[in-house]
Protein backbone atom coordinates (compact mmCIF):
# COMPACT_ATOMS: atom_id res chain seq x y z
CA MET A 1 -32.49 74.50 -209.62
CA ARG A 2 -34.14 77.75 -208.52
CA ALA A 3 -31.87 80.76 -208.59
CA LEU A 4 -31.94 84.53 -208.42
CA TYR A 5 -30.59 85.52 -211.81
CA LYS A 6 -29.51 88.61 -213.71
CA PRO A 7 -30.03 87.59 -217.34
CA ALA A 8 -28.36 90.67 -218.85
CA ALA A 9 -26.76 93.99 -217.97
CA GLY A 10 -29.41 96.22 -216.40
CA PRO A 11 -31.49 96.66 -213.24
CA GLY A 12 -33.34 93.84 -211.52
CA PHE A 13 -33.19 90.11 -210.84
CA GLU A 14 -35.55 87.26 -211.65
CA LEU A 15 -36.20 84.10 -209.63
CA THR A 16 -36.05 81.38 -212.26
CA ASP A 17 -34.81 77.89 -213.12
CA ARG A 18 -31.14 77.51 -213.95
CA PRO A 19 -29.02 74.43 -214.69
CA GLU A 20 -27.70 72.79 -211.53
CA PRO A 21 -23.90 73.20 -211.46
CA GLN A 22 -21.57 70.20 -211.32
CA ALA A 23 -18.40 69.88 -209.26
CA GLY A 24 -15.32 69.65 -211.46
CA PRO A 25 -11.85 68.45 -210.40
CA GLY A 26 -10.91 69.97 -207.05
CA GLU A 27 -14.37 71.48 -206.61
CA VAL A 28 -17.22 71.02 -204.13
CA LEU A 29 -20.97 71.14 -204.79
CA ILE A 30 -22.87 72.79 -201.93
CA ARG A 31 -26.60 72.87 -201.24
CA VAL A 32 -27.28 76.42 -200.12
CA LEU A 33 -29.25 76.80 -196.88
CA ARG A 34 -29.01 80.53 -196.17
CA THR A 35 -27.59 83.60 -197.86
CA GLY A 36 -26.89 87.10 -196.59
CA ILE A 37 -27.64 90.23 -198.61
CA CYS A 38 -24.60 92.46 -199.02
CA GLY A 39 -24.20 96.02 -200.22
CA THR A 40 -22.51 94.56 -203.29
CA ASP A 41 -25.74 92.67 -204.09
CA LEU A 42 -27.71 95.91 -203.83
CA HIS A 43 -25.35 97.54 -206.34
CA ILE A 44 -25.74 94.58 -208.71
CA GLU A 45 -29.54 94.57 -208.40
CA SER A 46 -29.83 98.30 -209.13
CA TRP A 47 -27.09 98.11 -211.79
CA ASP A 48 -25.29 101.30 -210.86
CA ALA A 49 -22.07 102.58 -212.41
CA TRP A 50 -19.91 100.31 -210.24
CA ALA A 51 -21.90 97.19 -211.23
CA ALA A 52 -21.82 98.12 -214.91
CA GLY A 53 -18.03 98.30 -214.78
CA ALA A 54 -17.33 95.30 -212.52
CA VAL A 55 -19.97 92.60 -213.01
CA ASP A 56 -20.01 89.92 -215.67
CA ALA A 57 -23.68 89.42 -216.64
CA PRO A 58 -25.53 87.10 -217.18
CA LEU A 59 -24.89 85.98 -213.62
CA ILE A 60 -26.23 84.40 -210.45
CA PRO A 61 -25.21 86.89 -207.72
CA GLY A 62 -24.63 86.27 -204.01
CA HIS A 63 -21.48 85.52 -202.06
CA GLU A 64 -22.52 85.32 -198.38
CA PHE A 65 -23.82 81.83 -197.66
CA CYS A 66 -23.98 78.74 -195.50
CA GLY A 67 -24.72 75.31 -196.89
CA GLU A 68 -24.16 71.57 -196.84
CA VAL A 69 -21.72 69.70 -199.06
CA VAL A 70 -23.57 67.26 -201.35
CA ALA A 71 -20.95 66.17 -203.92
CA LEU A 72 -17.19 66.22 -204.44
CA GLY A 73 -15.17 66.58 -207.61
CA TYR A 74 -12.16 64.41 -208.40
CA GLY A 75 -9.17 65.09 -206.16
CA VAL A 76 -11.00 66.77 -203.26
CA ARG A 77 -9.10 65.68 -200.17
CA ASP A 78 -10.31 67.23 -196.91
CA VAL A 79 -13.92 68.32 -197.39
CA ARG A 80 -16.57 65.63 -196.88
CA VAL A 81 -20.15 65.15 -198.06
CA GLY A 82 -22.42 66.33 -195.25
CA ASP A 83 -20.03 69.03 -193.97
CA GLN A 84 -21.61 72.32 -192.95
CA VAL A 85 -19.69 75.05 -194.76
CA SER A 86 -19.37 78.71 -195.64
CA GLY A 87 -17.32 80.03 -198.52
CA GLU A 88 -14.47 82.48 -199.05
CA GLY A 89 -15.73 84.44 -202.03
CA HIS A 90 -12.37 85.54 -203.43
CA ILE A 91 -10.95 82.88 -205.72
CA VAL A 92 -7.24 83.47 -206.28
CA CYS A 93 -4.75 82.42 -208.92
CA GLY A 94 -2.21 80.75 -206.62
CA THR A 95 0.78 81.78 -208.74
CA CYS A 96 1.21 85.57 -208.46
CA ARG A 97 3.82 86.94 -206.07
CA ASN A 98 1.35 87.58 -203.24
CA CYS A 99 -0.27 84.15 -203.53
CA ARG A 100 3.11 82.42 -203.47
CA ALA A 101 4.07 84.49 -200.42
CA GLY A 102 0.93 83.39 -198.55
CA ARG A 103 -0.84 86.74 -199.01
CA ARG A 104 -3.74 85.33 -200.98
CA HIS A 105 -6.08 88.19 -200.02
CA LEU A 106 -3.80 90.41 -202.15
CA CYS A 107 -3.95 88.26 -205.28
CA ILE A 108 -3.74 90.40 -208.42
CA ARG A 109 -6.04 88.03 -210.36
CA THR A 110 -8.87 87.59 -207.86
CA SER A 111 -12.19 86.33 -209.24
CA SER A 112 -15.15 87.11 -206.99
CA VAL A 113 -18.06 84.73 -206.42
CA GLY A 114 -21.35 86.38 -207.37
CA VAL A 115 -19.54 89.13 -209.27
CA ASN A 116 -17.25 87.49 -211.82
CA ARG A 117 -18.71 83.97 -211.63
CA ASP A 118 -22.01 82.44 -210.55
CA GLY A 119 -22.73 82.85 -206.86
CA ALA A 120 -24.88 81.56 -204.03
CA PHE A 121 -28.33 83.07 -204.59
CA ALA A 122 -29.42 79.63 -205.72
CA GLU A 123 -30.18 76.16 -204.43
CA TYR A 124 -26.64 75.02 -205.28
CA VAL A 125 -23.24 76.62 -205.72
CA VAL A 126 -19.82 75.25 -206.69
CA LEU A 127 -16.55 76.38 -205.12
CA PRO A 128 -12.95 75.19 -205.26
CA GLU A 129 -12.14 73.09 -202.20
CA SER A 130 -9.53 75.70 -201.23
CA ASN A 131 -12.32 78.27 -200.78
CA VAL A 132 -14.57 76.10 -198.61
CA TRP A 133 -14.60 76.75 -194.86
CA VAL A 134 -15.84 73.75 -192.86
CA HIS A 135 -17.66 74.48 -189.60
CA HIS A 136 -16.21 71.66 -187.52
CA VAL A 137 -18.35 72.90 -184.63
CA PRO A 138 -21.88 73.20 -186.10
CA ILE A 139 -23.38 76.70 -185.98
CA ASP A 140 -26.73 78.31 -186.73
CA PRO A 141 -26.87 78.49 -190.56
CA ASP A 142 -28.01 82.11 -190.28
CA LEU A 143 -24.65 82.90 -188.64
CA GLY A 144 -22.81 80.76 -191.15
CA ALA A 145 -24.37 82.86 -193.91
CA ILE A 146 -22.73 86.04 -192.62
CA PHE A 147 -19.20 84.70 -192.13
CA ASP A 148 -18.06 86.73 -195.13
CA PRO A 149 -18.99 90.17 -193.66
CA PHE A 150 -18.07 88.95 -190.18
CA GLY A 151 -14.65 88.29 -191.65
CA ASN A 152 -14.46 91.86 -192.94
CA ALA A 153 -15.22 93.08 -189.42
CA VAL A 154 -12.62 90.80 -187.83
CA HIS A 155 -9.96 91.64 -190.42
CA THR A 156 -10.52 95.35 -189.81
CA ALA A 157 -10.79 95.18 -186.02
CA LEU A 158 -7.71 92.98 -185.56
CA SER A 159 -5.48 95.02 -187.87
CA PHE A 160 -3.97 96.67 -184.80
CA PRO A 161 -3.64 95.59 -181.14
CA LEU A 162 -6.74 96.63 -179.19
CA VAL A 163 -6.12 95.48 -175.62
CA GLY A 164 -6.60 98.48 -173.34
CA GLU A 165 -7.01 100.85 -176.28
CA ASP A 166 -9.72 103.43 -176.94
CA VAL A 167 -11.43 102.55 -180.21
CA LEU A 168 -13.51 104.79 -182.48
CA ILE A 169 -15.69 103.15 -185.15
CA THR A 170 -17.25 105.40 -187.79
CA GLY A 171 -20.26 103.75 -189.41
CA ALA A 172 -22.74 101.54 -187.51
CA GLY A 173 -23.73 99.31 -190.39
CA PRO A 174 -23.63 95.54 -189.83
CA ILE A 175 -19.87 95.29 -190.29
CA GLY A 176 -19.21 98.23 -187.98
CA LEU A 177 -21.52 96.69 -185.36
CA MET A 178 -19.72 93.34 -185.56
CA ALA A 179 -16.35 95.09 -185.35
CA ALA A 180 -17.52 96.84 -182.17
CA VAL A 181 -18.41 93.49 -180.57
CA VAL A 182 -15.02 92.10 -181.61
CA ALA A 183 -13.18 95.10 -180.13
CA ARG A 184 -15.01 94.62 -176.84
CA HIS A 185 -14.35 90.84 -176.89
CA VAL A 186 -10.58 91.21 -177.33
CA GLY A 187 -10.15 93.81 -174.58
CA ALA A 188 -10.55 97.38 -175.81
CA ARG A 189 -11.09 99.93 -173.01
CA PHE A 190 -13.67 102.26 -174.61
CA VAL A 191 -15.58 101.44 -177.79
CA VAL A 192 -17.37 104.40 -179.40
CA ILE A 193 -19.37 104.11 -182.63
CA THR A 194 -20.80 106.91 -184.75
CA ASP A 195 -23.59 107.14 -187.31
CA VAL A 196 -26.61 109.29 -188.17
CA SER A 197 -29.15 106.44 -188.11
CA GLU A 198 -30.92 106.17 -184.76
CA TYR A 199 -32.01 102.64 -185.67
CA ARG A 200 -28.43 101.44 -186.00
CA LEU A 201 -27.17 103.46 -183.05
CA ALA A 202 -29.83 101.76 -180.94
CA MET A 203 -28.55 98.41 -182.19
CA ALA A 204 -25.03 99.42 -181.20
CA ARG A 205 -26.15 100.26 -177.67
CA GLU A 206 -27.89 96.91 -177.40
CA MET A 207 -24.70 95.19 -178.57
CA GLY A 208 -22.65 96.74 -175.77
CA VAL A 209 -20.68 99.76 -177.01
CA ASP A 210 -19.72 102.38 -174.44
CA LEU A 211 -21.18 105.20 -176.50
CA ALA A 212 -23.22 105.30 -179.72
CA LEU A 213 -23.03 108.83 -181.08
CA ASP A 214 -25.24 110.63 -183.59
CA VAL A 215 -22.66 112.88 -185.24
CA SER A 216 -25.39 115.05 -186.74
CA ARG A 217 -26.19 116.14 -183.17
CA GLU A 218 -23.01 115.75 -181.11
CA ALA A 219 -19.28 116.13 -181.73
CA ILE A 220 -16.89 113.25 -181.12
CA VAL A 221 -14.71 115.49 -178.95
CA ASP A 222 -17.65 115.91 -176.56
CA ALA A 223 -17.93 112.12 -176.38
CA GLN A 224 -14.28 111.97 -175.29
CA ARG A 225 -15.03 114.33 -172.42
CA ARG A 226 -18.05 112.28 -171.36
CA LEU A 227 -15.83 109.19 -171.12
CA GLY A 228 -13.02 111.00 -169.30
CA MET A 229 -10.56 110.63 -172.18
CA VAL A 230 -7.70 113.12 -172.34
CA GLU A 231 -5.50 112.12 -175.30
CA GLY A 232 -7.76 111.03 -178.15
CA PHE A 233 -8.52 107.61 -179.60
CA ASP A 234 -5.76 105.08 -180.15
CA VAL A 235 -7.36 103.08 -182.97
CA ALA A 236 -10.08 104.03 -185.47
CA LEU A 237 -12.04 101.70 -187.74
CA GLU A 238 -13.51 103.65 -190.65
CA MET A 239 -16.50 101.69 -191.97
CA SER A 240 -18.66 104.35 -193.61
CA GLY A 241 -16.77 105.59 -196.67
CA GLN A 242 -17.94 109.12 -195.84
CA PRO A 243 -15.36 111.91 -196.33
CA ALA A 244 -16.52 113.70 -193.17
CA ALA A 245 -15.98 110.53 -191.14
CA LEU A 246 -12.29 110.28 -191.98
CA ARG A 247 -11.79 113.95 -191.16
CA ASP A 248 -13.57 113.42 -187.82
CA VAL A 249 -11.30 110.46 -187.11
CA LEU A 250 -8.16 112.50 -187.73
CA ALA A 251 -9.43 115.32 -185.51
CA ASN A 252 -9.96 112.91 -182.61
CA LEU A 253 -6.97 110.58 -182.90
CA ASN A 254 -4.04 110.50 -180.51
CA HIS A 255 -0.48 111.05 -181.76
CA GLY A 256 0.68 107.76 -183.21
CA GLY A 257 -2.92 106.69 -183.78
CA ARG A 258 -3.82 103.98 -186.25
CA ILE A 259 -6.68 103.86 -188.75
CA ALA A 260 -8.02 100.75 -190.49
CA MET A 261 -10.20 101.75 -193.46
CA LEU A 262 -12.81 99.33 -194.80
CA GLY A 263 -15.43 101.85 -195.96
CA LEU A 264 -15.11 102.43 -199.70
CA PRO A 265 -15.35 106.16 -200.52
CA SER A 266 -17.60 107.09 -203.41
CA GLN A 267 -15.52 110.22 -204.07
CA PRO A 268 -12.00 111.48 -203.38
CA ILE A 269 -11.36 112.59 -199.78
CA GLU A 270 -9.28 115.66 -199.01
CA ILE A 271 -7.40 115.30 -195.72
CA ASP A 272 -4.62 117.14 -193.89
CA TRP A 273 -1.57 115.12 -194.91
CA ALA A 274 0.71 117.31 -192.82
CA LYS A 275 -1.12 116.03 -189.74
CA ILE A 276 -0.62 112.45 -190.88
CA VAL A 277 3.12 113.11 -190.99
CA THR A 278 3.58 115.23 -187.88
CA HIS A 279 1.31 113.04 -185.72
CA MET A 280 2.78 109.87 -187.20
CA ILE A 281 -0.61 108.43 -188.10
CA THR A 282 -0.85 104.99 -189.72
CA ILE A 283 -3.60 104.37 -192.30
CA LYS A 284 -4.19 100.81 -193.47
CA GLY A 285 -6.61 99.84 -196.23
CA ILE A 286 -8.70 96.70 -195.66
CA TYR A 287 -10.32 94.54 -198.32
CA GLY A 288 -11.96 91.20 -197.66
CA ARG A 289 -10.39 88.73 -195.28
CA GLU A 290 -6.93 87.28 -194.76
CA MET A 291 -7.05 83.76 -196.16
CA PHE A 292 -7.42 81.97 -193.90
CA GLU A 293 -6.07 83.49 -190.71
CA THR A 294 -9.17 85.67 -190.35
CA TRP A 295 -11.40 82.61 -190.69
CA TYR A 296 -9.56 80.82 -187.88
CA ALA A 297 -9.94 83.89 -185.67
CA MET A 298 -13.66 84.13 -186.47
CA SER A 299 -14.39 80.53 -185.53
CA ALA A 300 -12.19 80.70 -182.42
CA MET A 301 -13.92 83.81 -181.10
CA LEU A 302 -17.37 82.34 -181.64
CA THR A 303 -16.43 79.19 -179.71
CA SER A 304 -14.97 81.36 -176.91
CA GLY A 305 -18.19 83.28 -176.35
CA LEU A 306 -18.35 86.08 -178.94
CA ASP A 307 -22.01 86.71 -179.84
CA ILE A 308 -22.86 88.51 -183.09
CA SER A 309 -26.36 87.06 -183.46
CA LYS A 310 -28.10 90.38 -182.74
CA VAL A 311 -26.73 91.83 -185.97
CA ILE A 312 -29.21 89.63 -187.90
CA THR A 313 -32.51 91.50 -187.79
CA HIS A 314 -34.57 90.17 -190.72
CA ARG A 315 -35.14 86.75 -192.26
CA PHE A 316 -37.06 86.01 -195.47
CA ALA A 317 -37.87 83.01 -197.63
CA ALA A 318 -35.87 83.16 -200.86
CA THR A 319 -39.13 83.56 -202.77
CA ASP A 320 -39.60 86.89 -200.96
CA TRP A 321 -36.26 88.19 -202.17
CA ALA A 322 -37.72 91.50 -203.43
CA ASP A 323 -39.08 92.35 -199.99
CA ALA A 324 -35.75 91.36 -198.45
CA PHE A 325 -33.83 93.64 -200.81
CA ALA A 326 -36.19 96.51 -200.05
CA VAL A 327 -35.52 96.12 -196.32
CA ALA A 328 -31.76 95.87 -196.87
CA ARG A 329 -31.82 98.99 -199.00
CA SER A 330 -33.85 100.94 -196.43
CA GLY A 331 -31.07 100.96 -193.84
CA GLU A 332 -33.59 100.17 -191.10
CA CYS A 333 -32.01 96.78 -190.51
CA GLY A 334 -28.91 94.87 -189.59
CA LYS A 335 -28.07 91.83 -191.70
CA VAL A 336 -30.87 90.41 -193.85
CA VAL A 337 -30.84 86.64 -194.47
CA LEU A 338 -32.60 84.61 -197.19
CA ASP A 339 -33.71 81.02 -196.48
CA TRP A 340 -33.19 78.79 -199.55
CA THR A 341 -34.91 75.80 -197.98
CA VAL A 342 -38.24 77.61 -198.42
CA LEU A 343 -39.03 77.73 -202.15
């Protein structure tokens, strides 16, 4: 099969022939139709310090995908050949305390598709049946390819009740944009998103936020006044990983406010912990998706009218992967999708 491959530790990928994987007991073989490019993939391609410490090369990367089931291993019970599927990229042990308690997203032995084992930047990928999500209502494969980051957005946005609340989202990348649409869909009063990229702020406006704010030009407190707010935001979703963003959140949060943090900081963040205590602020870290409650919520919202399609801005044939990665790295984009049926 054709695959995007990292043959050894170091920068770059190569599009080459690799052995087609086989489905073992309890596993499913999937023909990949589309893949999304994630920030993780950019790290792996450039081989930065994080990739050097986390990735097991040689490796086929890629973990955001949509495909069609073509073969089943012994013992597969519920998935069928021909099913349209996406995949949960965190493969868990099933026996640690969190797994046994039903908190599989907190497994202490998680193995990540496209990071610790071969992934979906290929014509075929193998997953355990337990990690396969069947789209019982067929969807556009481009959307199916971004269920993984959509799940991050849903997990973050639904961490706290949003009905009637004023929501601040810091970071208008694809996940922040999807979280904004989710917040609006489930009944938030005001949804404000911040960034310094006019391209992505324009996307946010098109996707229906109340205010998309360039924080290099305008303070969040001024945005509150423009909206007629008097007590600060109730819920904040921190998607950027920027130290200044978390400090801005704390300066604009109501007493008793709640923060869900998905953005991964690249350096330690100094904050006013006394304010956390005296204002009774809740901070919750978010990683991945809840397996599989988030997936049910994602599918249910899409069937009830949620539209995230505008977050996909660029589509490339898999053979043009280098151009696709360049666009994804530029930041002048939403989600970038590769088509693996064009080789």
